């Protein structure tokens, strides 16, 4: 295991929203040592904990950790993305060009694209 892999695992455990933020973090305190059963990483969890204290907006929250206002905002966003509470529709085709679609398929694709990306 490399230092970068260990940081990615620690970031995912901490619910870091975007792993690209790891490029901006000072990783000098994270060390990689060879142990009896493989590489041992020290400091990755502490680094994520300090980053979470300093910049909490970079991390997602579990529902049990949200306040009532945050939960209401999450449900409002969810209702916007999935009207009627329906599950997400089947994946959009990405292997076909628009000119190869029928008028109905093109209309459905554009509608779904607008719903997902605004």
C-alpha atoms as a PDB file:
ATOM      1  CA  UNK A   1       0.000   0.000   0.000  1.00  0.00           C
ATOM      2  CA  UNK A   2       1.298   3.437  -0.874  1.00  0.00           C
ATOM      3  CA  UNK A   3       0.910   6.658   1.060  1.00  0.00           C
ATOM      4  CA  UNK A   4      -1.599   7.991  -1.489  1.00  0.00           C
ATOM      5  CA  UNK A   5      -3.731   4.854  -1.269  1.00  0.00           C
ATOM      6  CA  UNK A   6      -3.783   5.069   2.526  1.00  0.00           C
ATOM      7  CA  UNK A   7      -4.849   8.717   2.361  1.00  0.00           C
ATOM      8  CA  UNK A   8      -7.648   7.874  -0.068  1.00  0.00           C
ATOM      9  CA  UNK A   9      -8.927   5.137   2.238  1.00  0.00           C
ATOM     10  CA  UNK A  10      -8.831   7.475   5.252  1.00  0.00           C
ATOM     11  CA  UNK A  11     -10.596  10.199   3.235  1.00  0.00           C
ATOM     12  CA  UNK A  12     -13.355   7.825   2.162  1.00  0.00           C
ATOM     13  CA  UNK A  13     -13.862   6.678   5.745  1.00  0.00           C
ATOM     14  CA  UNK A  14     -14.124  10.320   6.824  1.00  0.00           C
ATOM     15  CA  UNK A  15     -16.648  10.985   3.995  1.00  0.00           C
ATOM     16  CA  UNK A  16     -14.528  13.515   2.098  1.00  0.00           C
ATOM     17  CA  UNK A  17     -16.760  14.772  -0.703  1.00  0.00           C
ATOM     18  CA  UNK A  18     -14.069  15.122  -3.384  1.00  0.00           C
ATOM     19  CA  UNK A  19     -10.782  13.214  -3.303  1.00  0.00           C
ATOM     20  CA  UNK A  20      -9.132  15.961  -5.368  1.00  0.00           C
ATOM     21  CA  UNK A  21      -8.844  17.934  -2.111  1.00  0.00           C
ATOM     22  CA  UNK A  22      -6.110  15.498  -1.057  1.00  0.00           C
ATOM     23  CA  UNK A  23      -3.779  17.213  -3.522  1.00  0.00           C
ATOM     24  CA  UNK A  24      -3.944  20.376  -1.393  1.00  0.00           C
ATOM     25  CA  UNK A  25      -3.351  18.730   1.984  1.00  0.00           C
ATOM     26  CA  UNK A  26       0.037  18.746   3.704  1.00  0.00           C
ATOM     27  CA  UNK A  27       0.902  15.055   3.940  1.00  0.00           C
ATOM     28  CA  UNK A  28       4.298  15.488   5.604  1.00  0.00           C
ATOM     29  CA  UNK A  29       2.982  14.052   8.898  1.00  0.00           C
ATOM     30  CA  UNK A  30       1.721  10.873   7.255  1.00  0.00           C
ATOM     31  CA  UNK A  31       4.335   8.131   7.340  1.00  0.00           C
ATOM     32  CA  UNK A  32       4.555   4.741   5.723  1.00  0.00           C
ATOM     33  CA  UNK A  33       6.520   2.053   7.547  1.00  0.00           C
ATOM     34  CA  UNK A  34       7.147  -1.552   6.695  1.00  0.00           C
ATOM     35  CA  UNK A  35       5.717  -3.903   9.278  1.00  0.00           C
ATOM     36  CA  UNK A  36       5.636  -7.623   9.789  1.00  0.00           C
ATOM     37  CA  UNK A  37       2.405  -8.014   7.808  1.00  0.00           C
ATOM     38  CA  UNK A  38       2.901  -5.247   5.246  1.00  0.00           C
ATOM     39  CA  UNK A  39       2.954  -1.465   5.191  1.00  0.00           C
ATOM     40  CA  UNK A  40       1.733   0.436   8.228  1.00  0.00           C
ATOM     41  CA  UNK A  41       0.395   3.951   7.703  1.00  0.00           C
ATOM     42  CA  UNK A  42       0.496   6.402  10.569  1.00  0.00           C
ATOM     43  CA  UNK A  43      -1.095   9.822  10.694  1.00  0.00           C
ATOM     44  CA  UNK A  44      -3.703   9.505   7.920  1.00  0.00           C
ATOM     45  CA  UNK A  45      -6.703   9.311  10.265  1.00  0.00           C
ATOM     46  CA  UNK A  46      -5.372  12.184  12.379  1.00  0.00           C
ATOM     47  CA  UNK A  47      -4.901  14.274   9.250  1.00  0.00           C
ATOM     48  CA  UNK A  48      -8.511  13.665   8.186  1.00  0.00           C
ATOM     49  CA  UNK A  49      -9.771  14.501  11.693  1.00  0.00           C
ATOM     50  CA  UNK A  50      -7.898  17.822  11.712  1.00  0.00           C
ATOM     51  CA  UNK A  51      -9.109  18.641   8.187  1.00  0.00           C
ATOM     52  CA  UNK A  52     -12.668  17.851   9.260  1.00  0.00           C
ATOM     53  CA  UNK A  53     -12.346  20.263  12.212  1.00  0.00           C
ATOM     54  CA  UNK A  54     -10.886  23.039  10.042  1.00  0.00           C
ATOM     55  CA  UNK A  55     -13.058  22.623   6.932  1.00  0.00           C
ATOM     56  CA  UNK A  56     -16.232  20.674   7.787  1.00  0.00           C
ATOM     57  CA  UNK A  57     -17.898  21.713   4.504  1.00  0.00           C
ATOM     58  CA  UNK A  58     -15.563  19.349   2.620  1.00  0.00           C
ATOM     59  CA  UNK A  59     -17.162  16.327   4.270  1.00  0.00           C
ATOM     60  CA  UNK A  60     -20.526  14.678   3.799  1.00  0.00           C
ATOM     61  CA  UNK A  61     -22.753  13.836   6.714  1.00  0.00           C
ATOM     62  CA  UNK A  62     -24.624  10.703   7.571  1.00  0.00           C
ATOM     63  CA  UNK A  63     -28.350  11.201   8.177  1.00  0.00           C
ATOM     64  CA  UNK A  64     -27.963  10.434  11.884  1.00  0.00           C
ATOM     65  CA  UNK A  65     -25.470  13.320  12.210  1.00  0.00           C
ATOM     66  CA  UNK A  66     -27.647  15.967  10.498  1.00  0.00           C
ATOM     67  CA  UNK A  67     -29.655  18.649  12.251  1.00  0.00           C
ATOM     68  CA  UNK A  68     -33.351  19.017  11.461  1.00  0.00           C
ATOM     69  CA  UNK A  69     -32.647  21.962   9.134  1.00  0.00           C
ATOM     70  CA  UNK A  70     -29.943  20.030   7.267  1.00  0.00           C
ATOM     71  CA  UNK A  71     -32.229  17.017   6.926  1.00  0.00           C
ATOM     72  CA  UNK A  72     -35.057  19.219   5.590  1.00  0.00           C
ATOM     73  CA  UNK A  73     -32.689  20.755   3.032  1.00  0.00           C
ATOM     74  CA  UNK A  74     -31.495  17.289   2.000  1.00  0.00           C
ATOM     75  CA  UNK A  75     -35.081  16.085   1.497  1.00  0.00           C
ATOM     76  CA  UNK A  76     -35.924  19.217  -0.498  1.00  0.00           C
ATOM     77  CA  UNK A  77     -32.966  18.556  -2.807  1.00  0.00           C
ATOM     78  CA  UNK A  78     -33.929  14.877  -3.041  1.00  0.00           C
ATOM     79  CA  UNK A  79     -37.512  15.792  -3.993  1.00  0.00           C
ATOM     80  CA  UNK A  80     -36.162  18.086  -6.714  1.00  0.00           C
ATOM     81  CA  UNK A  81     -33.991  15.312  -8.135  1.00  0.00           C
ATOM     82  CA  UNK A  82     -36.634  12.593  -7.823  1.00  0.00           C
ATOM     83  CA  UNK A  83     -40.156  14.031  -8.219  1.00  0.00           C
ATOM     84  CA  UNK A  84     -42.749  11.855  -6.545  1.00  0.00           C
ATOM     85  CA  UNK A  85     -40.043  10.008  -4.618  1.00  0.00           C
ATOM     86  CA  UNK A  86     -39.470   7.680  -7.533  1.00  0.00           C
ATOM     87  CA  UNK A  87     -36.251   5.716  -7.738  1.00  0.00           C
ATOM     88  CA  UNK A  88     -33.699   6.935 -10.222  1.00  0.00           C
ATOM     89  CA  UNK A  89     -34.524   5.958 -13.788  1.00  0.00           C
ATOM     90  CA  UNK A  90     -32.436   3.582 -15.833  1.00  0.00           C
ATOM     91  CA  UNK A  91     -29.066   4.922 -16.972  1.00  0.00           C
ATOM     92  CA  UNK A  92     -29.004   7.300 -19.885  1.00  0.00           C
ATOM     93  CA  UNK A  93     -27.511   5.855 -23.076  1.00  0.00           C
ATOM     94  CA  UNK A  94     -24.053   7.228 -23.739  1.00  0.00           C
ATOM     95  CA  UNK A  95     -23.076   4.968 -26.596  1.00  0.00           C
ATOM     96  CA  UNK A  96     -25.355   6.529 -29.210  1.00  0.00           C
ATOM     97  CA  UNK A  97     -25.297   9.864 -30.966  1.00  0.00           C
ATOM     98  CA  UNK A  98     -28.363  12.103 -30.939  1.00  0.00           C
ATOM     99  CA  UNK A  99     -28.753  11.758 -34.715  1.00  0.00           C
ATOM    100  CA  UNK A 100     -29.174   7.978 -34.247  1.00  0.00           C
ATOM    101  CA  UNK A 101     -32.058   8.366 -31.783  1.00  0.00           C
ATOM    102  CA  UNK A 102     -35.707   8.572 -32.653  1.00  0.00           C
ATOM    103  CA  UNK A 103     -37.556  11.784 -31.859  1.00  0.00           C
ATOM    104  CA  UNK A 104     -39.112  10.212 -28.758  1.00  0.00           C
ATOM    105  CA  UNK A 105     -35.772   8.830 -27.508  1.00  0.00           C
ATOM    106  CA  UNK A 106     -34.106  12.217 -28.070  1.00  0.00           C
ATOM    107  CA  UNK A 107     -36.880  14.011 -26.206  1.00  0.00           C
ATOM    108  CA  UNK A 108     -36.645  11.579 -23.255  1.00  0.00           C
ATOM    109  CA  UNK A 109     -32.861  11.897 -23.186  1.00  0.00           C
ATOM    110  CA  UNK A 110     -32.977  15.704 -23.153  1.00  0.00           C
ATOM    111  CA  UNK A 111     -35.654  15.699 -20.466  1.00  0.00           C
ATOM    112  CA  UNK A 112     -33.643  13.371 -18.260  1.00  0.00           C
ATOM    113  CA  UNK A 113     -30.460  15.392 -18.855  1.00  0.00           C
ATOM    114  CA  UNK A 114     -32.242  18.600 -17.824  1.00  0.00           C
ATOM    115  CA  UNK A 115     -33.611  16.913 -14.696  1.00  0.00           C
ATOM    116  CA  UNK A 116     -30.218  15.627 -13.629  1.00  0.00           C
ATOM    117  CA  UNK A 117     -28.040  18.593 -14.472  1.00  0.00           C
ATOM    118  CA  UNK A 118     -30.450  21.508 -14.406  1.00  0.00           C
END
